[in-house]
C-alpha atoms as a PDB file:
ATOM      1  CA  MET A   1      30.739 -51.651 283.639  1.00  0.00           C
ATOM      2  CA  ARG A   2      30.043 -55.072 282.336  1.00  0.00           C
ATOM      3  CA  ALA A   3      26.346 -54.148 282.156  1.00  0.00           C
ATOM      4  CA  LEU A   4      27.077 -50.922 280.447  1.00  0.00           C
ATOM      5  CA  GLY A   5      29.216 -52.732 277.943  1.00  0.00           C
ATOM      6  CA  ARG A   6      26.692 -55.379 277.123  1.00  0.00           C
ATOM      7  CA  PHE A   7      23.967 -52.599 276.746  1.00  0.00           C
ATOM      8  CA  GLY A   8      26.290 -50.557 274.641  1.00  0.00           C
ATOM      9  CA  LYS A   9      26.886 -53.608 272.244  1.00  0.00           C
ATOM     10  CA  SER A  10      23.193 -54.473 272.180  1.00  0.00           C
ATOM     11  CA  VAL A  11      22.250 -50.833 271.374  1.00  0.00           C
ATOM     12  CA  GLY A  12      25.076 -50.772 268.684  1.00  0.00           C
ATOM     13  CA  LEU A  13      23.722 -53.947 267.098  1.00  0.00           C
ATOM     14  CA  LEU A  14      20.123 -52.725 267.107  1.00  0.00           C
ATOM     15  CA  VAL A  15      20.935 -49.381 265.399  1.00  0.00           C
ATOM     16  CA  GLY A  16      23.479 -51.106 263.128  1.00  0.00           C
ATOM     17  CA  ALA A  17      20.959 -53.246 261.623  1.00  0.00           C
ATOM     18  CA  ALA A  18      19.605 -49.973 259.942  1.00  0.00           C
ATOM     19  CA  TYR A  19      23.155 -49.449 258.366  1.00  0.00           C
ATOM     20  CA  LEU A  20      23.608 -50.008 254.798  1.00  0.00           C
ATOM     21  CA  SER A  21      27.152 -50.208 253.135  1.00  0.00           C
ATOM     22  CA  ALA A  22      25.957 -47.819 250.335  1.00  0.00           C
ATOM     23  CA  CYS A  23      25.786 -45.065 253.043  1.00  0.00           C
ATOM     24  CA  ALA A  24      29.096 -45.238 254.595  1.00  0.00           C
ATOM     25  CA  SER A  25      29.322 -41.489 253.883  1.00  0.00           C
ATOM     26  CA  MET A  26      28.680 -38.710 256.307  1.00  0.00           C
ATOM     27  CA  ILE A  27      25.472 -37.618 254.587  1.00  0.00           C
ATOM     28  CA  PRO A  28      23.506 -36.441 256.419  1.00  0.00           C
ATOM     29  CA  PRO A  29      25.862 -34.967 258.980  1.00  0.00           C
ATOM     30  CA  SER A  30      25.385 -35.801 262.742  1.00  0.00           C
ATOM     31  CA  ARG A  31      22.576 -33.713 264.266  1.00  0.00           C
ATOM     32  CA  LEU A  32      22.929 -34.878 267.862  1.00  0.00           C
ATOM     33  CA  VAL A  33      25.473 -32.173 268.667  1.00  0.00           C
ATOM     34  CA  GLU A  34      22.634 -29.582 267.757  1.00  0.00           C
ATOM     35  CA  TYR A  35      20.508 -30.807 270.574  1.00  0.00           C
ATOM     36  CA  MET A  36      23.042 -31.858 273.230  1.00  0.00           C
ATOM     37  CA  GLY A  37      25.782 -29.328 272.690  1.00  0.00           C
ATOM     38  CA  GLN A  38      29.406 -29.859 271.434  1.00  0.00           C
ATOM     39  CA  GLN A  39      30.741 -30.721 274.857  1.00  0.00           C
ATOM     40  CA  ALA A  40      28.330 -33.436 275.655  1.00  0.00           C
ATOM     41  CA  VAL A  41      28.800 -35.132 272.347  1.00  0.00           C
ATOM     42  CA  THR A  42      32.639 -34.878 271.923  1.00  0.00           C
ATOM     43  CA  GLU A  43      33.725 -35.569 275.405  1.00  0.00           C
ATOM     44  CA  PRO A  44      34.386 -39.250 276.390  1.00  0.00           C
ATOM     45  CA  LEU A  45      31.358 -41.087 277.574  1.00  0.00           C
ATOM     46  CA  ALA A  46      30.626 -40.995 281.346  1.00  0.00           C
ATOM     47  CA  ALA A  47      32.047 -44.098 283.106  1.00  0.00           C
ATOM     48  CA  THR A  48      28.932 -44.867 285.055  1.00  0.00           C
ATOM     49  CA  THR A  49      28.053 -48.363 286.098  1.00  0.00           C
ATOM     50  CA  LEU A  50      24.452 -49.146 285.203  1.00  0.00           C
ATOM     51  CA  PRO A  51      22.335 -51.005 287.778  1.00  0.00           C
ATOM     52  CA  GLN A  52      21.704 -54.749 287.469  1.00  0.00           C
ATOM     53  CA  THR A  53      18.040 -54.398 287.548  1.00  0.00           C
ATOM     54  CA  PRO A  54      16.139 -53.313 284.320  1.00  0.00           C
ATOM     55  CA  ILE A  55      16.700 -49.765 283.541  1.00  0.00           C
ATOM     56  CA  ARG A  56      13.694 -47.703 283.407  1.00  0.00           C
ATOM     57  CA  ALA A  57      13.753 -45.242 280.606  1.00  0.00           C
ATOM     58  CA  GLY A  58      11.527 -42.978 278.573  1.00  0.00           C
ATOM     59  CA  LEU A  59      12.165 -42.532 274.756  1.00  0.00           C
ATOM     60  CA  VAL A  60      11.938 -39.209 273.163  1.00  0.00           C
ATOM     61  CA  LEU A  61      11.964 -38.930 269.299  1.00  0.00           C
ATOM     62  CA  VAL A  62      13.303 -35.764 267.677  1.00  0.00           C
ATOM     63  CA  SER A  63      12.699 -35.287 264.002  1.00  0.00           C
ATOM     64  CA  ASP A  64      15.341 -32.824 262.767  1.00  0.00           C
ATOM     65  CA  THR A  65      14.722 -30.725 259.690  1.00  0.00           C
ATOM     66  CA  THR A  66      17.149 -27.924 260.438  1.00  0.00           C
ATOM     67  CA  ALA A  67      20.173 -29.073 258.396  1.00  0.00           C
ATOM     68  CA  PRO A  68      20.952 -27.710 254.924  1.00  0.00           C
ATOM     69  CA  ASP A  69      19.179 -29.756 252.314  1.00  0.00           C
ATOM     70  CA  ALA A  70      17.203 -31.614 254.910  1.00  0.00           C
ATOM     71  CA  ALA A  71      14.255 -33.651 253.599  1.00  0.00           C
ATOM     72  CA  PRO A  72      10.780 -32.646 254.772  1.00  0.00           C
ATOM     73  CA  ALA A  73       9.604 -33.837 258.055  1.00  0.00           C
ATOM     74  CA  LEU A  74       7.920 -37.176 258.412  1.00  0.00           C
ATOM     75  CA  PRO A  75       4.178 -37.009 259.059  1.00  0.00           C
ATOM     76  CA  ASP A  76       3.226 -37.380 262.655  1.00  0.00           C
ATOM     77  CA  GLU A  77       1.662 -40.837 262.189  1.00  0.00           C
ATOM     78  CA  ALA A  78       4.914 -42.057 260.745  1.00  0.00           C
ATOM     79  CA  LEU A  79       7.018 -40.538 263.598  1.00  0.00           C
ATOM     80  CA  ASN A  80       4.591 -42.119 266.170  1.00  0.00           C
ATOM     81  CA  ARG A  81       5.023 -45.746 264.388  1.00  0.00           C
ATOM     82  CA  LEU A  82       8.780 -45.208 264.243  1.00  0.00           C
ATOM     83  CA  ALA A  83       8.768 -44.600 267.970  1.00  0.00           C
ATOM     84  CA  GLU A  84       6.716 -47.453 268.755  1.00  0.00           C
ATOM     85  CA  SER A  85       8.829 -49.716 266.700  1.00  0.00           C
ATOM     86  CA  LEU A  86      11.907 -48.424 268.394  1.00  0.00           C
ATOM     87  CA  GLN A  87      10.214 -49.089 271.878  1.00  0.00           C
ATOM     88  CA  LYS A  88       9.406 -52.610 270.916  1.00  0.00           C
ATOM     89  CA  GLN A  89      12.701 -53.482 269.394  1.00  0.00           C
ATOM     90  CA  MET A  90      14.657 -52.036 272.437  1.00  0.00           C
ATOM     91  CA  ASN A  91      12.560 -53.891 274.941  1.00  0.00           C
ATOM     92  CA  GLU A  92      12.729 -57.246 273.030  1.00  0.00           C
ATOM     93  CA  SER A  93      16.503 -57.010 272.261  1.00  0.00           C
ATOM     94  CA  LEU A  94      17.862 -55.449 275.422  1.00  0.00           C
ATOM     95  CA  PRO A  95      16.796 -57.483 278.550  1.00  0.00           C
ATOM     96  CA  SER A  96      18.284 -55.041 280.991  1.00  0.00           C
ATOM     97  CA  PHE A  97      16.625 -52.139 279.431  1.00  0.00           C
ATOM     98  CA  LYS A  98      12.932 -51.204 279.700  1.00  0.00           C
ATOM     99  CA  VAL A  99      11.361 -48.318 277.561  1.00  0.00           C
ATOM    100  CA  GLU A 100       8.391 -47.576 279.684  1.00  0.00           C
ATOM    101  CA  THR A 101       6.986 -44.649 277.804  1.00  0.00           C
ATOM    102  CA  ILE A 102       7.392 -42.550 274.763  1.00  0.00           C
ATOM    103  CA  ILE A 103       7.624 -38.806 275.598  1.00  0.00           C
ATOM    104  CA  PRO A 104       6.784 -36.051 273.185  1.00  0.00           C
ATOM    105  CA  ALA A 105       9.654 -33.981 272.068  1.00  0.00           C
ATOM    106  CA  GLU A 106       7.774 -30.762 273.050  1.00  0.00           C
ATOM    107  CA  GLY A 107      10.099 -28.051 274.102  1.00  0.00           C
ATOM    108  CA  VAL A 108      13.294 -29.747 272.617  1.00  0.00           C
ATOM    109  CA  ARG A 109      15.075 -27.364 270.369  1.00  0.00           C
ATOM    110  CA  PRO A 110      18.266 -27.283 268.372  1.00  0.00           C
ATOM    111  CA  GLY A 111      20.934 -25.098 269.869  1.00  0.00           C
ATOM    112  CA  GLY A 112      20.117 -26.409 273.325  1.00  0.00           C
ATOM    113  CA  GLU A 113      22.160 -28.368 275.757  1.00  0.00           C
ATOM    114  CA  ILE A 114      21.979 -31.847 277.160  1.00  0.00           C
ATOM    115  CA  SER A 115      20.248 -30.265 280.232  1.00  0.00           C
ATOM    116  CA  GLN A 116      17.087 -30.028 278.263  1.00  0.00           C
ATOM    117  CA  PHE A 117      16.735 -33.742 278.271  1.00  0.00           C
ATOM    118  CA  SER A 118      17.720 -34.091 281.903  1.00  0.00           C
ATOM    119  CA  GLU A 119      14.976 -31.700 282.614  1.00  0.00           C
ATOM    120  CA  LEU A 120      12.468 -33.451 280.363  1.00  0.00           C
ATOM    121  CA  GLY A 121      13.303 -36.925 282.087  1.00  0.00           C
ATOM    122  CA  LYS A 122      12.863 -35.407 285.563  1.00  0.00           C
ATOM    123  CA  LYS A 123       9.464 -33.894 284.616  1.00  0.00           C
ATOM    124  CA  HIS A 124       8.276 -37.354 283.683  1.00  0.00           C
ATOM    125  CA  GLY A 125       9.954 -39.112 286.717  1.00  0.00           C
ATOM    126  CA  LEU A 126      12.539 -41.161 284.888  1.00  0.00           C
ATOM    127  CA  ASP A 127      16.038 -42.212 285.703  1.00  0.00           C
ATOM    128  CA  TYR A 128      17.223 -42.499 282.159  1.00  0.00           C
ATOM    129  CA  LEU A 129      16.127 -41.101 278.744  1.00  0.00           C
ATOM    130  CA  ALA A 130      16.829 -42.651 275.387  1.00  0.00           C
ATOM    131  CA  VAL A 131      17.020 -39.773 272.866  1.00  0.00           C
ATOM    132  CA  VAL A 132      16.528 -40.609 269.277  1.00  0.00           C
ATOM    133  CA  VAL A 133      17.349 -37.926 266.650  1.00  0.00           C
ATOM    134  CA  VAL A 134      16.297 -38.807 263.152  1.00  0.00           C
ATOM    135  CA  SER A 135      17.351 -36.755 260.121  1.00  0.00           C
ATOM    136  CA  SER A 136      17.540 -37.116 256.259  1.00  0.00           C
ATOM    137  CA  THR A 137      18.547 -35.456 253.099  1.00  0.00           C
ATOM    138  CA  GLU A 138      17.269 -35.831 249.736  1.00  0.00           C
ATOM    139  CA  GLN A 139      18.506 -35.154 246.213  1.00  0.00           C
ATOM    140  CA  GLU A 140      16.410 -35.438 243.036  1.00  0.00           C
ATOM    141  CA  TYR A 141      17.758 -35.586 239.517  1.00  0.00           C
ATOM    142  CA  PRO A 142      16.637 -36.523 235.946  1.00  0.00           C
ATOM    143  CA  LEU A 143      17.225 -39.982 234.505  1.00  0.00           C
ATOM    144  CA  THR A 144      15.796 -42.409 231.902  1.00  0.00           C
ATOM    145  CA  VAL A 145      13.478 -44.903 233.342  1.00  0.00           C
ATOM    146  CA  PHE A 146      13.298 -48.240 231.436  1.00  0.00           C
ATOM    147  CA  LEU A 147      10.098 -50.000 231.280  1.00  0.00           C
ATOM    148  CA  GLY A 148      10.662 -53.603 230.739  1.00  0.00           C
ATOM    149  CA  TRP A 149      12.885 -53.594 227.655  1.00  0.00           C
ATOM    150  CA  HIS A 150      15.729 -51.313 226.828  1.00  0.00           C
ATOM    151  CA  SER A 151      13.990 -50.265 223.658  1.00  0.00           C
ATOM    152  CA  HIS A 152      11.106 -48.722 225.837  1.00  0.00           C
ATOM    153  CA  SER A 153      11.991 -45.908 228.088  1.00  0.00           C
ATOM    154  CA  GLN A 154      10.533 -42.713 229.493  1.00  0.00           C
ATOM    155  CA  PRO A 155      12.002 -39.627 231.014  1.00  0.00           C
ATOM    156  CA  GLY A 156      11.913 -39.529 234.736  1.00  0.00           C
ATOM    157  CA  LEU A 157      13.347 -38.462 238.018  1.00  0.00           C
ATOM    158  CA  ARG A 158      15.249 -40.270 240.613  1.00  0.00           C
ATOM    159  CA  ARG A 159      15.061 -39.190 244.346  1.00  0.00           C
ATOM    160  CA  ASP A 160      17.833 -40.395 246.679  1.00  0.00           C
ATOM    161  CA  ASN A 161      17.246 -40.308 250.364  1.00  0.00           C
ATOM    162  CA  TRP A 162      20.074 -40.653 253.014  1.00  0.00           C
ATOM    163  CA  SER A 163      18.722 -41.205 256.530  1.00  0.00           C
ATOM    164  CA  LEU A 164      20.460 -41.099 259.888  1.00  0.00           C
ATOM    165  CA  ILE A 165      19.158 -42.342 263.281  1.00  0.00           C
ATOM    166  CA  GLU A 166      21.253 -41.379 266.280  1.00  0.00           C
ATOM    167  CA  VAL A 167      20.596 -42.732 269.831  1.00  0.00           C
ATOM    168  CA  ALA A 168      21.893 -41.477 273.014  1.00  0.00           C
ATOM    169  CA  LEU A 169      21.287 -42.674 276.556  1.00  0.00           C
ATOM    170  CA  VAL A 170      21.120 -39.788 279.142  1.00  0.00           C
ATOM    171  CA  GLU A 171      21.268 -40.293 282.932  1.00  0.00           C
ATOM    172  CA  VAL A 172      18.598 -37.922 284.074  1.00  0.00           C
ATOM    173  CA  LYS A 173      19.968 -37.198 287.495  1.00  0.00           C
ATOM    174  CA  SER A 174      23.488 -36.219 286.461  1.00  0.00           C
ATOM    175  CA  GLY A 175      22.665 -35.040 282.980  1.00  0.00           C
ATOM    176  CA  LEU A 176      25.500 -37.115 281.624  1.00  0.00           C
ATOM    177  CA  LEU A 177      25.618 -38.837 278.257  1.00  0.00           C
ATOM    178  CA  LEU A 178      26.349 -42.500 278.824  1.00  0.00           C
ATOM    179  CA  LEU A 179      26.025 -44.115 275.360  1.00  0.00           C
ATOM    180  CA  ARG A 180      25.853 -43.190 271.719  1.00  0.00           C
ATOM    181  CA  ALA A 181      25.108 -45.128 268.640  1.00  0.00           C
ATOM    182  CA  GLU A 182      24.027 -44.360 265.058  1.00  0.00           C
ATOM    183  CA  GLY A 183      22.631 -46.157 261.987  1.00  0.00           C
ATOM    184  CA  ARG A 184      22.443 -44.867 258.391  1.00  0.00           C
ATOM    185  CA  GLY A 185      20.129 -45.919 255.670  1.00  0.00           C
ATOM    186  CA  TRP A 186      19.669 -45.198 251.965  1.00  0.00           C
ATOM    187  CA  ALA A 187      16.755 -45.419 249.703  1.00  0.00           C
ATOM    188  CA  THR A 188      15.978 -44.437 246.083  1.00  0.00           C
ATOM    189  CA  LEU A 189      12.630 -43.783 244.233  1.00  0.00           C
ATOM    190  CA  ASP A 190      12.269 -43.677 240.357  1.00  0.00           C
ATOM    191  CA  ARG A 191       9.243 -41.995 239.007  1.00  0.00           C
ATOM    192  CA  LEU A 192       8.111 -41.126 235.410  1.00  0.00           C
ATOM    193  CA  MET A 193       7.589 -37.476 234.332  1.00  0.00           C
ATOM    194  CA  ALA A 194       5.042 -38.237 231.781  1.00  0.00           C
ATOM    195  CA  PRO A 195       1.356 -38.011 233.262  1.00  0.00           C
ATOM    196  CA  GLY A 196      -0.888 -41.166 233.167  1.00  0.00           C
ATOM    197  CA  ILE A 197       2.017 -43.773 233.196  1.00  0.00           C
ATOM    198  CA  ASN A 198       2.131 -45.833 236.416  1.00  0.00           C
END
């Protein structure tokens, strides 16, 4: 249990680095339940002792765009970079955890159960699977953009983006959810409506 506790704290710190105080709300809502089922996500975490040796795991990144008001999906290149960045961060920050491979999320669907990840892990010969679900929502509204001085302004638009990354560690053999963590982020982009002004 000590190894599990250290691992949980490390994952929490890793994902917590993405957390901004401006996003303490529940926007966007959790999407993990849509992929693992209500029972897997709401029940207490499995009290499984992790081995002392480094844990071999695969990482599967799911980009969710099924929620109401969901932002458009990230391009494949951006998702690949995000998966590689998460793999590197986990391997450097968690000495007892080794993400050996990034697995495509082919066949992973919302409305499924946690068993879809257990089957995916077995297919790739892994003992554990780190499931990462990314989702975001956007809102755009008009505002006045000030260009240097208050006397010089132009009509524009502001787009707010709220993002959520949820991480779950699944034991492939038992199909149990061992750990959960999440991090929220927020970004805004102001742009002018007038053409030709950069």
